[in-house]
Amino acid sequence: MTEQPSAPDGPLSPMPALTPAALRAAVAQIAPAQLPSFIEHLDRAVEQAATQSTIAPLRTFLLWWGEFVAIQRYPARAARLRELEAAAEEATDLEALRSALAGMRQITDLAHREISA
């Protein structure tokens, strides 16, 4: 895991390596209720990789859960994403929807930068 600076609004844990074992440990620590989904998704990815003779499903799995951990390890970031998702669902006009989606994109772009570092 790469070390991250700790602050009052800092991460609950360091960003793990993008491996199934490291991501599983991070999910167990920061979002234990999601562990069954993690395991189910991993099983499907392994099955698809074997069936399709490609590692693409595994790579997709690692990126998806890496993004999840990058977001969830910051409680304020995760809460903001939930707020924006709710705003997008409840949007009654195009501008409100665009605003919510733009905010969601900023959070996911930041998560992608973290997992690519």
Protein backbone atom coordinates (compact mmCIF):
# COMPACT_ATOMS: atom_id res chain seq x y z
CA MET A 1 0.00 0.00 0.00
CA THR A 2 1.22 3.48 -0.77
CA GLU A 3 1.31 5.86 2.15
CA GLN A 4 -0.93 8.90 2.09
CA PRO A 5 -0.70 11.93 4.37
CA SER A 6 -2.98 11.71 7.38
CA ALA A 7 -5.25 14.63 8.25
CA PRO A 8 -8.57 15.07 10.05
CA ASP A 9 -10.36 14.63 6.72
CA GLY A 10 -7.70 12.27 5.41
CA PRO A 11 -8.00 8.68 4.31
CA LEU A 12 -9.10 5.84 6.56
CA SER A 13 -6.36 3.71 5.04
CA PRO A 14 -3.52 3.98 2.54
CA MET A 15 -4.33 3.31 -1.11
CA PRO A 16 -3.69 -0.40 -1.65
CA ALA A 17 -1.94 -1.99 -4.59
CA LEU A 18 -4.30 -3.06 -7.36
CA THR A 19 -4.23 -6.74 -6.50
CA PRO A 20 -7.16 -8.89 -5.40
CA ALA A 21 -5.61 -9.56 -1.98
CA ALA A 22 -4.77 -5.92 -1.25
CA LEU A 23 -8.15 -4.67 -2.45
CA ARG A 24 -9.97 -7.38 -0.47
CA ALA A 25 -8.16 -6.27 2.70
CA ALA A 26 -9.01 -2.62 2.02
CA VAL A 27 -12.68 -3.38 1.34
CA ALA A 28 -12.84 -5.48 4.51
CA GLN A 29 -11.45 -2.53 6.47
CA ILE A 30 -13.36 0.42 5.01
CA ALA A 31 -16.60 -1.13 3.67
CA PRO A 32 -17.02 -4.62 5.14
CA ALA A 33 -20.65 -4.83 4.00
CA GLN A 34 -19.35 -4.77 0.40
CA LEU A 35 -17.08 -7.80 0.84
CA PRO A 36 -19.67 -10.31 -0.51
CA SER A 37 -20.07 -8.15 -3.64
CA PHE A 38 -16.31 -7.98 -4.01
CA ILE A 39 -15.95 -11.77 -3.83
CA GLU A 40 -18.85 -12.35 -6.22
CA HIS A 41 -17.42 -9.86 -8.72
CA LEU A 42 -13.96 -11.46 -8.45
CA ASP A 43 -15.42 -14.92 -9.07
CA ARG A 44 -17.27 -13.65 -12.16
CA ALA A 45 -14.14 -11.91 -13.46
CA VAL A 46 -12.04 -15.06 -13.07
CA GLU A 47 -14.71 -17.13 -14.80
CA GLN A 48 -14.98 -14.65 -17.68
CA ALA A 49 -11.20 -14.44 -18.03
CA ALA A 50 -10.95 -18.23 -18.29
CA THR A 51 -13.88 -18.49 -20.71
CA GLN A 52 -12.68 -15.64 -22.93
CA SER A 53 -8.94 -16.43 -22.66
CA THR A 54 -8.18 -12.82 -21.77
CA ILE A 55 -7.24 -10.90 -18.65
CA ALA A 56 -9.53 -7.99 -19.55
CA PRO A 57 -12.27 -8.99 -17.06
CA LEU A 58 -9.68 -9.15 -14.28
CA ARG A 59 -8.26 -5.76 -15.21
CA THR A 60 -11.77 -4.28 -15.22
CA PHE A 61 -12.41 -5.83 -11.80
CA LEU A 62 -9.19 -4.37 -10.35
CA LEU A 63 -9.91 -0.90 -11.74
CA TRP A 64 -13.54 -0.93 -10.53
CA TRP A 65 -12.62 -1.94 -6.98
CA GLY A 66 -9.56 0.31 -6.98
CA GLU A 67 -11.84 3.25 -7.78
CA PHE A 68 -14.30 2.11 -5.10
CA VAL A 69 -11.54 2.00 -2.46
CA ALA A 70 -10.04 5.31 -3.60
CA ILE A 71 -13.42 6.95 -3.03
CA GLN A 72 -14.57 5.09 0.09
CA ARG A 73 -11.34 5.52 2.02
CA TYR A 74 -12.20 9.23 2.31
CA PRO A 75 -15.51 9.45 4.21
CA ALA A 76 -16.22 13.02 3.06
CA ARG A 77 -15.56 12.08 -0.58
CA ALA A 78 -17.82 9.04 -0.32
CA ALA A 79 -20.57 11.09 1.32
CA ARG A 80 -20.31 13.76 -1.38
CA LEU A 81 -20.59 11.14 -4.10
CA ARG A 82 -23.74 9.74 -2.47
CA GLU A 83 -25.20 13.27 -2.30
CA LEU A 84 -24.44 13.86 -5.97
CA GLU A 85 -25.92 10.50 -6.96
CA ALA A 86 -29.11 11.36 -5.10
CA ALA A 87 -29.19 14.81 -6.72
CA ALA A 88 -28.82 13.23 -10.16
CA GLU A 89 -31.66 10.81 -9.47
CA GLU A 90 -33.90 13.62 -8.23
CA ALA A 91 -32.96 16.20 -10.86
CA THR A 92 -35.97 17.78 -12.51
CA ASP A 93 -34.08 19.82 -15.08
CA LEU A 94 -31.13 19.26 -17.36
CA GLU A 95 -28.89 21.83 -15.66
CA ALA A 96 -29.30 20.21 -12.23
CA LEU A 97 -28.51 16.82 -13.76
CA ARG A 98 -25.44 18.17 -15.56
CA SER A 99 -24.18 19.79 -12.37
CA ALA A 100 -24.57 16.56 -10.37
CA LEU A 101 -22.91 14.51 -13.10
CA ALA A 102 -20.01 16.97 -13.32
CA GLY A 103 -19.44 16.66 -9.57
CA MET A 104 -19.55 12.87 -9.80
CA ARG A 105 -17.06 12.97 -12.66
CA GLN A 106 -14.64 15.08 -10.60
CA ILE A 107 -14.71 12.51 -7.80
CA THR A 108 -14.24 9.54 -10.12
CA ASP A 109 -11.48 11.33 -12.07
CA LEU A 110 -9.64 11.97 -8.79
CA ALA A 111 -10.03 8.30 -7.86
CA HIS A 112 -8.66 7.24 -11.27
CA ARG A 113 -5.63 9.48 -10.78
CA GLU A 114 -5.00 7.89 -7.40
CA ILE A 115 -5.14 4.34 -8.70
CA SER A 116 -2.94 5.24 -11.67
CA ALA A 117 -0.22 6.81 -9.52
